[in-house]
PDB file of N, CA and C in Angstrom:
ATOM      1  N   MET A   1     -30.856  60.868   0.404  1.00  0.00           N
ATOM      2  CA  MET A   1     -29.797  59.953  -0.037  1.00  0.00           C
ATOM      3  C   MET A   1     -28.555  60.772  -0.384  1.00  0.00           C
ATOM      4  N   ARG A   2     -27.350  60.234   0.075  1.00  0.00           N
ATOM      5  CA  ARG A   2     -25.987  60.809  -0.112  1.00  0.00           C
ATOM      6  C   ARG A   2     -25.726  60.889  -1.643  1.00  0.00           C
ATOM      7  N   LYS A   3     -25.210  62.007  -2.124  1.00  0.00           N
ATOM      8  CA  LYS A   3     -24.838  62.090  -3.547  1.00  0.00           C
ATOM      9  C   LYS A   3     -23.329  61.687  -3.597  1.00  0.00           C
ATOM     10  N   MET A   4     -23.039  60.741  -4.503  1.00  0.00           N
ATOM     11  CA  MET A   4     -21.668  60.258  -4.729  1.00  0.00           C
ATOM     12  C   MET A   4     -21.028  61.141  -5.768  1.00  0.00           C
ATOM     13  N   PRO A   5     -19.645  61.357  -5.573  1.00  0.00           N
ATOM     14  CA  PRO A   5     -18.863  62.002  -6.646  1.00  0.00           C
ATOM     15  C   PRO A   5     -18.912  61.304  -7.955  1.00  0.00           C
ATOM     16  N   MET A   6     -18.781  61.945  -9.066  1.00  0.00           N
ATOM     17  CA  MET A   6     -18.889  61.367 -10.398  1.00  0.00           C
ATOM     18  C   MET A   6     -17.973  60.139 -10.555  1.00  0.00           C
ATOM     19  N   LYS A   7     -16.686  60.244 -10.067  1.00  0.00           N
ATOM     20  CA  LYS A   7     -15.814  59.089 -10.233  1.00  0.00           C
ATOM     21  C   LYS A   7     -16.353  57.857  -9.510  1.00  0.00           C
ATOM     22  N   ASP A   8     -16.950  58.026  -8.374  1.00  0.00           N
ATOM     23  CA  ASP A   8     -17.545  56.846  -7.607  1.00  0.00           C
ATOM     24  C   ASP A   8     -18.802  56.293  -8.246  1.00  0.00           C
ATOM     25  N   ARG A   9     -19.534  57.141  -8.943  1.00  0.00           N
ATOM     26  CA  ARG A   9     -20.776  56.712  -9.636  1.00  0.00           C
ATOM     27  C   ARG A   9     -20.480  55.804 -10.748  1.00  0.00           C
ATOM     28  N   GLU A  10     -19.333  55.974 -11.406  1.00  0.00           N
ATOM     29  CA  GLU A  10     -18.928  55.126 -12.562  1.00  0.00           C
ATOM     30  C   GLU A  10     -18.752  53.680 -12.074  1.00  0.00           C
ATOM     31  N   CYS A  11     -18.257  53.460 -10.896  1.00  0.00           N
ATOM     32  CA  CYS A  11     -18.014  52.147 -10.381  1.00  0.00           C
ATOM     33  C   CYS A  11     -19.248  51.464  -9.765  1.00  0.00           C
ATOM     34  N   CYS A  12     -20.226  52.272  -9.505  1.00  0.00           N
ATOM     35  CA  CYS A  12     -21.386  51.811  -8.705  1.00  0.00           C
ATOM     36  C   CYS A  12     -22.687  51.952  -9.484  1.00  0.00           C
ATOM     37  N   VAL A  13     -22.653  51.586 -10.821  1.00  0.00           N
ATOM     38  CA  VAL A  13     -23.821  51.548 -11.563  1.00  0.00           C
ATOM     39  C   VAL A  13     -24.704  50.343 -11.347  1.00  0.00           C
ATOM     40  N   PRO A  14     -25.978  50.511 -11.103  1.00  0.00           N
ATOM     41  CA  PRO A  14     -26.814  49.287 -10.815  1.00  0.00           C
ATOM     42  C   PRO A  14     -26.901  48.385 -12.034  1.00  0.00           C
ATOM     43  N   LEU A  15     -27.215  47.065 -11.765  1.00  0.00           N
ATOM     44  CA  LEU A  15     -27.302  46.190 -12.854  1.00  0.00           C
ATOM     45  C   LEU A  15     -28.346  46.525 -13.855  1.00  0.00           C
ATOM     46  N   SER A  16     -29.352  47.270 -13.396  1.00  0.00           N
ATOM     47  CA  SER A  16     -30.445  47.654 -14.348  1.00  0.00           C
ATOM     48  C   SER A  16     -29.930  48.637 -15.408  1.00  0.00           C
ATOM     49  N   ALA A  17     -28.782  49.250 -15.162  1.00  0.00           N
ATOM     50  CA  ALA A  17     -28.207  50.135 -16.114  1.00  0.00           C
ATOM     51  C   ALA A  17     -27.541  49.470 -17.368  1.00  0.00           C
ATOM     52  N   GLY A  18     -27.268  48.133 -17.239  1.00  0.00           N
ATOM     53  CA  GLY A  18     -26.694  47.402 -18.324  1.00  0.00           C
ATOM     54  C   GLY A  18     -25.719  46.252 -17.844  1.00  0.00           C
ATOM     55  N   PRO A  19     -25.238  45.560 -18.687  1.00  0.00           N
ATOM     56  CA  PRO A  19     -24.417  44.406 -18.270  1.00  0.00           C
ATOM     57  C   PRO A  19     -23.070  44.765 -17.807  1.00  0.00           C
ATOM     58  N   LEU A  20     -22.526  43.983 -16.852  1.00  0.00           N
ATOM     59  CA  LEU A  20     -21.167  44.209 -16.333  1.00  0.00           C
ATOM     60  C   LEU A  20     -20.171  43.645 -17.341  1.00  0.00           C
ATOM     61  N   ASP A  21     -18.980  44.350 -17.328  1.00  0.00           N
ATOM     62  CA  ASP A  21     -17.902  43.709 -18.116  1.00  0.00           C
ATOM     63  C   ASP A  21     -17.275  42.583 -17.306  1.00  0.00           C
ATOM     64  N   GLU A  22     -16.539  41.720 -17.957  1.00  0.00           N
ATOM     65  CA  GLU A  22     -15.998  40.542 -17.383  1.00  0.00           C
ATOM     66  C   GLU A  22     -15.172  40.812 -16.087  1.00  0.00           C
ATOM     67  N   ARG A  23     -14.288  41.824 -16.193  1.00  0.00           N
ATOM     68  CA  ARG A  23     -13.379  42.070 -15.038  1.00  0.00           C
ATOM     69  C   ARG A  23     -14.173  42.486 -13.841  1.00  0.00           C
ATOM     70  N   ARG A  24     -15.153  43.374 -14.013  1.00  0.00           N
ATOM     71  CA  ARG A  24     -15.977  43.895 -12.926  1.00  0.00           C
ATOM     72  C   ARG A  24     -16.853  42.790 -12.315  1.00  0.00           C
ATOM     73  N   ALA A  25     -17.355  41.932 -13.183  1.00  0.00           N
ATOM     74  CA  ALA A  25     -18.160  40.869 -12.782  1.00  0.00           C
ATOM     75  C   ALA A  25     -17.356  39.874 -11.909  1.00  0.00           C
ATOM     76  N   GLU A  26     -16.140  39.605 -12.249  1.00  0.00           N
ATOM     77  CA  GLU A  26     -15.354  38.775 -11.526  1.00  0.00           C
ATOM     78  C   GLU A  26     -15.024  39.334 -10.125  1.00  0.00           C
ATOM     79  N   ALA A  27     -14.682  40.603 -10.054  1.00  0.00           N
ATOM     80  CA  ALA A  27     -14.404  41.288  -8.802  1.00  0.00           C
ATOM     81  C   ALA A  27     -15.624  41.284  -7.884  1.00  0.00           C
ATOM     82  N   MET A  28     -16.794  41.532  -8.453  1.00  0.00           N
ATOM     83  CA  MET A  28     -18.050  41.591  -7.736  1.00  0.00           C
ATOM     84  C   MET A  28     -18.397  40.178  -7.178  1.00  0.00           C
ATOM     85  N   ALA A  29     -18.105  39.116  -8.018  1.00  0.00           N
ATOM     86  CA  ALA A  29     -18.451  37.768  -7.588  1.00  0.00           C
ATOM     87  C   ALA A  29     -17.565  37.395  -6.386  1.00  0.00           C
ATOM     88  N   ARG A  30     -16.326  37.753  -6.449  1.00  0.00           N
ATOM     89  CA  ARG A  30     -15.367  37.492  -5.239  1.00  0.00           C
ATOM     90  C   ARG A  30     -15.949  38.119  -4.006  1.00  0.00           C
ATOM     91  N   ARG A  31     -16.342  39.320  -4.136  1.00  0.00           N
ATOM     92  CA  ARG A  31     -16.918  40.081  -2.933  1.00  0.00           C
ATOM     93  C   ARG A  31     -18.159  39.401  -2.465  1.00  0.00           C
ATOM     94  N   PHE A  32     -19.061  39.160  -3.322  1.00  0.00           N
ATOM     95  CA  PHE A  32     -20.327  38.449  -2.857  1.00  0.00           C
ATOM     96  C   PHE A  32     -20.069  37.058  -2.315  1.00  0.00           C
ATOM     97  N   ALA A  33     -19.111  36.387  -2.941  1.00  0.00           N
ATOM     98  CA  ALA A  33     -18.778  35.021  -2.438  1.00  0.00           C
ATOM     99  C   ALA A  33     -18.189  35.128  -1.008  1.00  0.00           C
ATOM    100  N   ALA A  34     -17.391  36.100  -0.784  1.00  0.00           N
ATOM    101  CA  ALA A  34     -16.813  36.278   0.569  1.00  0.00           C
ATOM    102  C   ALA A  34     -17.849  36.592   1.610  1.00  0.00           C
ATOM    103  N   LEU A  35     -18.966  37.158   1.189  1.00  0.00           N
ATOM    104  CA  LEU A  35     -20.038  37.480   2.172  1.00  0.00           C
ATOM    105  C   LEU A  35     -21.062  36.321   2.301  1.00  0.00           C
ATOM    106  N   ALA A  36     -20.911  35.173   1.517  1.00  0.00           N
ATOM    107  CA  ALA A  36     -21.740  34.101   1.539  1.00  0.00           C
ATOM    108  C   ALA A  36     -21.411  33.186   2.668  1.00  0.00           C
ATOM    109  N   ASP A  37     -21.051  33.593   3.865  1.00  0.00           N
ATOM    110  CA  ASP A  37     -20.773  32.835   4.977  1.00  0.00           C
ATOM    111  C   ASP A  37     -21.303  33.630   6.266  1.00  0.00           C
ATOM    112  N   PRO A  38     -22.013  33.002   7.139  1.00  0.00           N
ATOM    113  CA  PRO A  38     -22.560  33.713   8.308  1.00  0.00           C
ATOM    114  C   PRO A  38     -21.444  34.251   9.226  1.00  0.00           C
ATOM    115  N   VAL A  39     -20.344  33.500   9.410  1.00  0.00           N
ATOM    116  CA  VAL A  39     -19.322  33.919  10.227  1.00  0.00           C
ATOM    117  C   VAL A  39     -18.682  35.265   9.656  1.00  0.00           C
ATOM    118  N   ARG A  40     -18.490  35.244   8.326  1.00  0.00           N
ATOM    119  CA  ARG A  40     -17.857  36.462   7.741  1.00  0.00           C
ATOM    120  C   ARG A  40     -18.874  37.633   7.792  1.00  0.00           C
ATOM    121  N   LEU A  41     -20.095  37.380   7.586  1.00  0.00           N
ATOM    122  CA  LEU A  41     -21.073  38.435   7.742  1.00  0.00           C
ATOM    123  C   LEU A  41     -21.054  39.100   9.120  1.00  0.00           C
ATOM    124  N   ARG A  42     -20.994  38.280  10.143  1.00  0.00           N
ATOM    125  CA  ARG A  42     -20.980  38.686  11.476  1.00  0.00           C
ATOM    126  C   ARG A  42     -19.639  39.513  11.687  1.00  0.00           C
ATOM    127  N   LEU A  43     -18.516  38.911  11.227  1.00  0.00           N
ATOM    128  CA  LEU A  43     -17.202  39.593  11.408  1.00  0.00           C
ATOM    129  C   LEU A  43     -17.279  40.921  10.729  1.00  0.00           C
ATOM    130  N   LEU A  44     -17.752  41.020   9.510  1.00  0.00           N
ATOM    131  CA  LEU A  44     -17.796  42.325   8.778  1.00  0.00           C
ATOM    132  C   LEU A  44     -18.723  43.292   9.609  1.00  0.00           C
ATOM    133  N   SER A  45     -19.810  42.850  10.199  1.00  0.00           N
ATOM    134  CA  SER A  45     -20.644  43.703  10.970  1.00  0.00           C
ATOM    135  C   SER A  45     -19.937  44.271  12.203  1.00  0.00           C
ATOM    136  N   LEU A  46     -19.125  43.444  12.829  1.00  0.00           N
ATOM    137  CA  LEU A  46     -18.306  43.918  14.008  1.00  0.00           C
ATOM    138  C   LEU A  46     -17.273  44.895  13.572  1.00  0.00           C
ATOM    139  N   VAL A  47     -16.608  44.723  12.446  1.00  0.00           N
ATOM    140  CA  VAL A  47     -15.678  45.764  11.910  1.00  0.00           C
ATOM    141  C   VAL A  47     -16.373  47.017  11.571  1.00  0.00           C
ATOM    142  N   VAL A  48     -17.486  46.896  10.961  1.00  0.00           N
ATOM    143  CA  VAL A  48     -18.291  48.136  10.637  1.00  0.00           C
ATOM    144  C   VAL A  48     -18.715  48.880  11.894  1.00  0.00           C
ATOM    145  N   ALA A  49     -19.270  48.163  12.842  1.00  0.00           N
ATOM    146  CA  ALA A  49     -19.743  48.744  14.038  1.00  0.00           C
ATOM    147  C   ALA A  49     -18.644  49.467  14.832  1.00  0.00           C
ATOM    148  N   ALA A  50     -17.430  48.840  14.810  1.00  0.00           N
ATOM    149  CA  ALA A  50     -16.267  49.428  15.652  1.00  0.00           C
ATOM    150  C   ALA A  50     -15.526  50.469  14.875  1.00  0.00           C
ATOM    151  N   GLY A  51     -15.624  50.437  13.544  1.00  0.00           N
ATOM    152  CA  GLY A  51     -14.771  51.340  12.672  1.00  0.00           C
ATOM    153  C   GLY A  51     -13.457  50.723  12.471  1.00  0.00           C
ATOM    154  N   GLU A  52     -12.844  50.204  13.503  1.00  0.00           N
ATOM    155  CA  GLU A  52     -11.603  49.476  13.345  1.00  0.00           C
ATOM    156  C   GLU A  52     -11.549  48.526  14.550  1.00  0.00           C
ATOM    157  N   VAL A  53     -11.124  47.234  14.320  1.00  0.00           N
ATOM    158  CA  VAL A  53     -11.165  46.251  15.353  1.00  0.00           C
ATOM    159  C   VAL A  53      -9.862  45.410  15.268  1.00  0.00           C
ATOM    160  N   CYS A  54      -9.398  45.034  16.468  1.00  0.00           N
ATOM    161  CA  CYS A  54      -8.226  44.099  16.532  1.00  0.00           C
ATOM    162  C   CYS A  54      -8.734  42.661  16.308  1.00  0.00           C
ATOM    163  N   SER A  55      -7.955  41.876  15.720  1.00  0.00           N
ATOM    164  CA  SER A  55      -8.288  40.459  15.545  1.00  0.00           C
ATOM    165  C   SER A  55      -8.515  39.822  16.862  1.00  0.00           C
ATOM    166  N   CYS A  56      -7.790  40.266  17.871  1.00  0.00           N
ATOM    167  CA  CYS A  56      -7.942  39.698  19.279  1.00  0.00           C
ATOM    168  C   CYS A  56      -9.430  39.997  19.829  1.00  0.00           C
ATOM    169  N   ASP A  57      -9.971  41.009  19.312  1.00  0.00           N
ATOM    170  CA  ASP A  57     -11.309  41.380  19.854  1.00  0.00           C
ATOM    171  C   ASP A  57     -12.427  40.704  19.009  1.00  0.00           C
ATOM    172  N   LEU A  58     -12.070  39.879  18.072  1.00  0.00           N
ATOM    173  CA  LEU A  58     -13.068  39.123  17.293  1.00  0.00           C
ATOM    174  C   LEU A  58     -13.347  37.735  17.865  1.00  0.00           C
ATOM    175  N   LEU A  59     -12.280  37.210  18.666  1.00  0.00           N
ATOM    176  CA  LEU A  59     -12.381  35.850  19.129  1.00  0.00           C
ATOM    177  C   LEU A  59     -13.677  35.588  19.894  1.00  0.00           C
ATOM    178  N   GLU A  60     -13.923  36.349  20.957  1.00  0.00           N
ATOM    179  CA  GLU A  60     -15.010  36.106  21.830  1.00  0.00           C
ATOM    180  C   GLU A  60     -16.337  36.312  21.178  1.00  0.00           C
ATOM    181  N   PRO A  61     -16.588  37.471  20.473  1.00  0.00           N
ATOM    182  CA  PRO A  61     -17.978  37.652  19.981  1.00  0.00           C
ATOM    183  C   PRO A  61     -18.360  36.668  18.861  1.00  0.00           C
ATOM    184  N   LEU A  62     -17.303  36.116  18.109  1.00  0.00           N
ATOM    185  CA  LEU A  62     -17.616  35.136  17.125  1.00  0.00           C
ATOM    186  C   LEU A  62     -17.494  33.729  17.646  1.00  0.00           C
ATOM    187  N   GLY A  63     -16.896  33.537  18.881  1.00  0.00           N
ATOM    188  CA  GLY A  63     -16.815  32.211  19.444  1.00  0.00           C
ATOM    189  C   GLY A  63     -15.915  31.299  18.606  1.00  0.00           C
ATOM    190  N   LYS A  64     -14.933  31.793  18.024  1.00  0.00           N
ATOM    191  CA  LYS A  64     -14.023  31.032  17.072  1.00  0.00           C
ATOM    192  C   LYS A  64     -12.558  31.149  17.548  1.00  0.00           C
ATOM    193  N   ALA A  65     -11.832  30.249  17.188  1.00  0.00           N
ATOM    194  CA  ALA A  65     -10.340  30.271  17.493  1.00  0.00           C
ATOM    195  C   ALA A  65      -9.616  31.214  16.597  1.00  0.00           C
ATOM    196  N   GLN A  66      -8.479  31.618  16.972  1.00  0.00           N
ATOM    197  CA  GLN A  66      -7.659  32.542  16.275  1.00  0.00           C
ATOM    198  C   GLN A  66      -7.368  32.121  14.823  1.00  0.00           C
ATOM    199  N   PRO A  67      -7.040  30.817  14.625  1.00  0.00           N
ATOM    200  CA  PRO A  67      -6.792  30.441  13.240  1.00  0.00           C
ATOM    201  C   PRO A  67      -8.064  30.507  12.322  1.00  0.00           C
ATOM    202  N   THR A  68      -9.233  30.293  12.918  1.00  0.00           N
ATOM    203  CA  THR A  68     -10.485  30.456  12.181  1.00  0.00           C
ATOM    204  C   THR A  68     -10.734  31.890  11.824  1.00  0.00           C
ATOM    205  N   ILE A  69     -10.508  32.791  12.840  1.00  0.00           N
ATOM    206  CA  ILE A  69     -10.654  34.239  12.607  1.00  0.00           C
ATOM    207  C   ILE A  69      -9.706  34.727  11.472  1.00  0.00           C
ATOM    208  N   SER A  70      -8.506  34.179  11.586  1.00  0.00           N
ATOM    209  CA  SER A  70      -7.483  34.546  10.487  1.00  0.00           C
ATOM    210  C   SER A  70      -7.979  34.184   9.177  1.00  0.00           C
ATOM    211  N   HIS A  71      -8.519  32.962   9.056  1.00  0.00           N
ATOM    212  CA  HIS A  71      -9.030  32.551   7.697  1.00  0.00           C
ATOM    213  C   HIS A  71     -10.081  33.427   7.226  1.00  0.00           C
ATOM    214  N   HIS A  72     -11.045  33.726   8.068  1.00  0.00           N
ATOM    215  CA  HIS A  72     -12.170  34.537   7.619  1.00  0.00           C
ATOM    216  C   HIS A  72     -11.741  35.981   7.261  1.00  0.00           C
ATOM    217  N   THR A  73     -10.815  36.572   8.020  1.00  0.00           N
ATOM    218  CA  THR A  73     -10.390  37.892   7.758  1.00  0.00           C
ATOM    219  C   THR A  73      -9.616  37.915   6.441  1.00  0.00           C
ATOM    220  N   ARG A  74      -8.872  36.854   6.253  1.00  0.00           N
ATOM    221  CA  ARG A  74      -8.063  36.755   4.985  1.00  0.00           C
ATOM    222  C   ARG A  74      -9.014  36.674   3.764  1.00  0.00           C
ATOM    223  N   VAL A  75     -10.133  35.906   3.869  1.00  0.00           N
ATOM    224  CA  VAL A  75     -11.041  35.866   2.715  1.00  0.00           C
ATOM    225  C   VAL A  75     -11.643  37.224   2.479  1.00  0.00           C
ATOM    226  N   LEU A  76     -12.049  37.941   3.615  1.00  0.00           N
ATOM    227  CA  LEU A  76     -12.668  39.238   3.357  1.00  0.00           C
ATOM    228  C   LEU A  76     -11.596  40.254   2.836  1.00  0.00           C
ATOM    229  N   ALA A  77     -10.373  40.053   3.274  1.00  0.00           N
ATOM    230  CA  ALA A  77      -9.379  41.076   2.774  1.00  0.00           C
ATOM    231  C   ALA A  77      -9.024  40.761   1.368  1.00  0.00           C
ATOM    232  N   GLU A  78      -8.920  39.504   0.912  1.00  0.00           N
ATOM    233  CA  GLU A  78      -8.663  39.139  -0.474  1.00  0.00           C
ATOM    234  C   GLU A  78      -9.766  39.555  -1.353  1.00  0.00           C
ATOM    235  N   ALA A  79     -10.975  39.697  -0.849  1.00  0.00           N
ATOM    236  CA  ALA A  79     -12.131  40.132  -1.637  1.00  0.00           C
ATOM    237  C   ALA A  79     -12.176  41.750  -1.672  1.00  0.00           C
ATOM    238  N   GLY A  80     -11.272  42.327  -0.883  1.00  0.00           N
ATOM    239  CA  GLY A  80     -11.202  43.816  -0.898  1.00  0.00           C
ATOM    240  C   GLY A  80     -12.195  44.451  -0.065  1.00  0.00           C
ATOM    241  N   LEU A  81     -12.852  43.757   0.889  1.00  0.00           N
ATOM    242  CA  LEU A  81     -13.871  44.372   1.738  1.00  0.00           C
ATOM    243  C   LEU A  81     -13.275  44.944   3.010  1.00  0.00           C
ATOM    244  N   ILE A  82     -12.125  44.397   3.494  1.00  0.00           N
ATOM    245  CA  ILE A  82     -11.471  44.966   4.687  1.00  0.00           C
ATOM    246  C   ILE A  82      -9.964  45.094   4.341  1.00  0.00           C
ATOM    247  N   VAL A  83      -9.310  45.902   5.174  1.00  0.00           N
ATOM    248  CA  VAL A  83      -7.900  46.002   5.054  1.00  0.00           C
ATOM    249  C   VAL A  83      -7.295  45.868   6.468  1.00  0.00           C
ATOM    250  N   GLY A  84      -6.149  45.298   6.624  1.00  0.00           N
ATOM    251  CA  GLY A  84      -5.592  45.129   7.967  1.00  0.00           C
ATOM    252  C   GLY A  84      -4.245  45.829   8.021  1.00  0.00           C
ATOM    253  N   GLU A  85      -3.973  46.231   9.277  1.00  0.00           N
ATOM    254  CA  GLU A  85      -2.642  46.833   9.542  1.00  0.00           C
ATOM    255  C   GLU A  85      -2.092  46.045  10.868  1.00  0.00           C
ATOM    256  N   LYS A  86      -0.934  45.503  10.647  1.00  0.00           N
ATOM    257  CA  LYS A  86      -0.293  44.773  11.716  1.00  0.00           C
ATOM    258  C   LYS A  86       0.297  45.735  12.749  1.00  0.00           C
ATOM    259  N   ARG A  87      -0.149  45.583  14.024  1.00  0.00           N
ATOM    260  CA  ARG A  87       0.472  46.414  15.070  1.00  0.00           C
ATOM    261  C   ARG A  87       0.886  45.416  16.165  1.00  0.00           C
ATOM    262  N   GLY A  88       2.249  45.285  16.286  1.00  0.00           N
ATOM    263  CA  GLY A  88       2.703  44.279  17.221  1.00  0.00           C
ATOM    264  C   GLY A  88       2.303  42.897  16.803  1.00  0.00           C
ATOM    265  N   ARG A  89       1.648  42.168  17.689  1.00  0.00           N
ATOM    266  CA  ARG A  89       1.295  40.731  17.430  1.00  0.00           C
ATOM    267  C   ARG A  89       0.000  40.675  16.672  1.00  0.00           C
ATOM    268  N   TRP A  90      -0.838  41.648  16.677  1.00  0.00           N
ATOM    269  CA  TRP A  90      -2.183  41.502  16.095  1.00  0.00           C
ATOM    270  C   TRP A  90      -2.366  42.451  14.914  1.00  0.00           C
ATOM    271  N   VAL A  91      -3.404  42.057  14.145  1.00  0.00           N
ATOM    272  CA  VAL A  91      -3.818  42.904  13.016  1.00  0.00           C
ATOM    273  C   VAL A  91      -5.078  43.612  13.316  1.00  0.00           C
ATOM    274  N   TRP A  92      -5.103  44.886  12.960  1.00  0.00           N
ATOM    275  CA  TRP A  92      -6.330  45.702  13.171  1.00  0.00           C
ATOM    276  C   TRP A  92      -7.016  45.869  11.821  1.00  0.00           C
ATOM    277  N   TRP A  93      -8.326  45.615  11.780  1.00  0.00           N
ATOM    278  CA  TRP A  93      -9.004  45.631  10.513  1.00  0.00           C
ATOM    279  C   TRP A  93     -10.028  46.781  10.449  1.00  0.00           C
ATOM    280  N   ARG A  94     -10.154  47.255   9.247  1.00  0.00           N
ATOM    281  CA  ARG A  94     -11.185  48.289   8.887  1.00  0.00           C
ATOM    282  C   ARG A  94     -11.773  48.062   7.585  1.00  0.00           C
ATOM    283  N   LEU A  95     -12.929  48.595   7.441  1.00  0.00           N
ATOM    284  CA  LEU A  95     -13.724  48.386   6.229  1.00  0.00           C
ATOM    285  C   LEU A  95     -13.166  49.161   5.037  1.00  0.00           C
ATOM    286  N   VAL A  96     -13.351  48.668   3.826  1.00  0.00           N
ATOM    287  CA  VAL A  96     -13.089  49.458   2.595  1.00  0.00           C
ATOM    288  C   VAL A  96     -14.484  49.838   2.175  1.00  0.00           C
ATOM    289  N   PRO A  97     -14.990  51.071   2.568  1.00  0.00           N
ATOM    290  CA  PRO A  97     -16.372  51.396   2.375  1.00  0.00           C
ATOM    291  C   PRO A  97     -16.741  51.442   0.892  1.00  0.00           C
ATOM    292  N   GLU A  98     -15.900  51.889   0.014  1.00  0.00           N
ATOM    293  CA  GLU A  98     -16.307  52.020  -1.400  1.00  0.00           C
ATOM    294  C   GLU A  98     -16.619  50.622  -2.035  1.00  0.00           C
ATOM    295  N   HIS A  99     -15.934  49.606  -1.542  1.00  0.00           N
ATOM    296  CA  HIS A  99     -16.303  48.292  -2.111  1.00  0.00           C
ATOM    297  C   HIS A  99     -17.629  47.730  -1.550  1.00  0.00           C
ATOM    298  N   LEU A 100     -17.856  48.003  -0.339  1.00  0.00           N
ATOM    299  CA  LEU A 100     -19.198  47.524   0.243  1.00  0.00           C
ATOM    300  C   LEU A 100     -20.326  48.476  -0.520  1.00  0.00           C
ATOM    301  N   GLU A 101     -20.080  49.695  -0.651  1.00  0.00           N
ATOM    302  CA  GLU A 101     -21.060  50.516  -1.350  1.00  0.00           C
ATOM    303  C   GLU A 101     -21.257  50.038  -2.817  1.00  0.00           C
ATOM    304  N   GLU A 102     -20.240  49.611  -3.372  1.00  0.00           N
ATOM    305  CA  GLU A 102     -20.352  49.099  -4.768  1.00  0.00           C
ATOM    306  C   GLU A 102     -21.241  47.880  -4.804  1.00  0.00           C
ATOM    307  N   LEU A 103     -21.129  46.969  -3.818  1.00  0.00           N
ATOM    308  CA  LEU A 103     -21.978  45.804  -3.881  1.00  0.00           C
ATOM    309  C   LEU A 103     -23.464  46.214  -3.676  1.00  0.00           C
ATOM    310  N   ARG A 104     -23.678  47.158  -2.784  1.00  0.00           N
ATOM    311  CA  ARG A 104     -25.037  47.677  -2.597  1.00  0.00           C
ATOM    312  C   ARG A 104     -25.610  48.304  -3.814  1.00  0.00           C
ATOM    313  N   SER A 105     -24.831  49.061  -4.386  1.00  0.00           N
ATOM    314  CA  SER A 105     -25.278  49.885  -5.639  1.00  0.00           C
ATOM    315  C   SER A 105     -25.529  49.015  -6.817  1.00  0.00           C
ATOM    316  N   VAL A 106     -24.637  48.071  -6.990  1.00  0.00           N
ATOM    317  CA  VAL A 106     -24.835  47.209  -8.175  1.00  0.00           C
ATOM    318  C   VAL A 106     -26.150  46.500  -8.189  1.00  0.00           C
ATOM    319  N   LEU A 107     -26.664  46.153  -6.994  1.00  0.00           N
ATOM    320  CA  LEU A 107     -27.968  45.502  -6.936  1.00  0.00           C
ATOM    321  C   LEU A 107     -29.136  46.409  -6.855  1.00  0.00           C
ATOM    322  N   GLU A 108     -28.920  47.695  -6.688  1.00  0.00           N
ATOM    323  CA  GLU A 108     -30.035  48.650  -6.605  1.00  0.00           C
ATOM    324  C   GLU A 108     -30.692  48.777  -7.964  1.00  0.00           C
ATOM    325  N   ALA A 109     -31.999  48.585  -7.881  1.00  0.00           N
ATOM    326  CA  ALA A 109     -32.774  48.686  -9.128  1.00  0.00           C
ATOM    327  C   ALA A 109     -33.777  49.716  -9.077  1.00  0.00           C
ATOM    328  N   GLY A 110     -33.724  50.556  -8.088  1.00  0.00           N
ATOM    329  CA  GLY A 110     -34.619  51.645  -7.919  1.00  0.00           C
ATOM    330  C   GLY A 110     -35.819  51.310  -7.170  1.00  0.00           C
ATOM    331  N   ALA A 111     -36.096  50.016  -6.825  1.00  0.00           N
ATOM    332  CA  ALA A 111     -37.164  49.623  -6.017  1.00  0.00           C
ATOM    333  C   ALA A 111     -36.828  49.372  -4.571  1.00  0.00           C
ATOM    334  N   PRO A 112     -37.720  49.604  -3.656  1.00  0.00           N
ATOM    335  CA  PRO A 112     -37.417  49.367  -2.243  1.00  0.00           C
ATOM    336  C   PRO A 112     -37.076  47.921  -2.054  1.00  0.00           C
ATOM    337  N   VAL A 113     -36.070  47.658  -1.133  1.00  0.00           N
ATOM    338  CA  VAL A 113     -35.719  46.316  -0.836  1.00  0.00           C
ATOM    339  C   VAL A 113     -36.622  45.796   0.384  1.00  0.00           C
ATOM    340  N   SER A 114     -37.125  44.621   0.092  1.00  0.00           N
ATOM    341  CA  SER A 114     -38.063  43.987   1.116  1.00  0.00           C
ATOM    342  C   SER A 114     -37.183  43.418   2.320  1.00  0.00           C
ATOM    343  N   SER A 115     -37.612  43.606   3.487  1.00  0.00           N
ATOM    344  CA  SER A 115     -36.838  42.941   4.571  1.00  0.00           C
ATOM    345  C   SER A 115     -37.275  41.490   4.836  1.00  0.00           C
ATOM    346  N   ALA A 116     -38.160  40.994   4.066  1.00  0.00           N
ATOM    347  CA  ALA A 116     -38.582  39.612   4.215  1.00  0.00           C
ATOM    348  C   ALA A 116     -37.522  38.626   3.642  1.00  0.00           C
ATOM    349  N   PRO A 117     -37.349  37.448   4.293  1.00  0.00           N
ATOM    350  CA  PRO A 117     -36.311  36.495   3.803  1.00  0.00           C
ATOM    351  C   PRO A 117     -36.649  35.950   2.463  1.00  0.00           C
TER     352      PRO A 117
END
């Protein structure tokens, strides 16, 4: 397991370590809510797999129109999970790894996660 720097461990304490403060709970809820959609989960997986991806390259794999892709990328960006950089006509998206790591870490309770639904 990768060892996180001390400053990162402070933001990524599992729920089993104690209750979340209100501000952090609200931020985490926004991030989890953004992931509560199959299209956004697939979109995020495409960004993660590519490292960086143009909005134009999300249309075909997701089978969605450009306005729909824009809506879903906006939701993920507002939740702090991805960031975009406009280059010409298109936006290029990349993951904010520390926020995804925080989601994973906050749920970690020390027990293995089951792959069963």
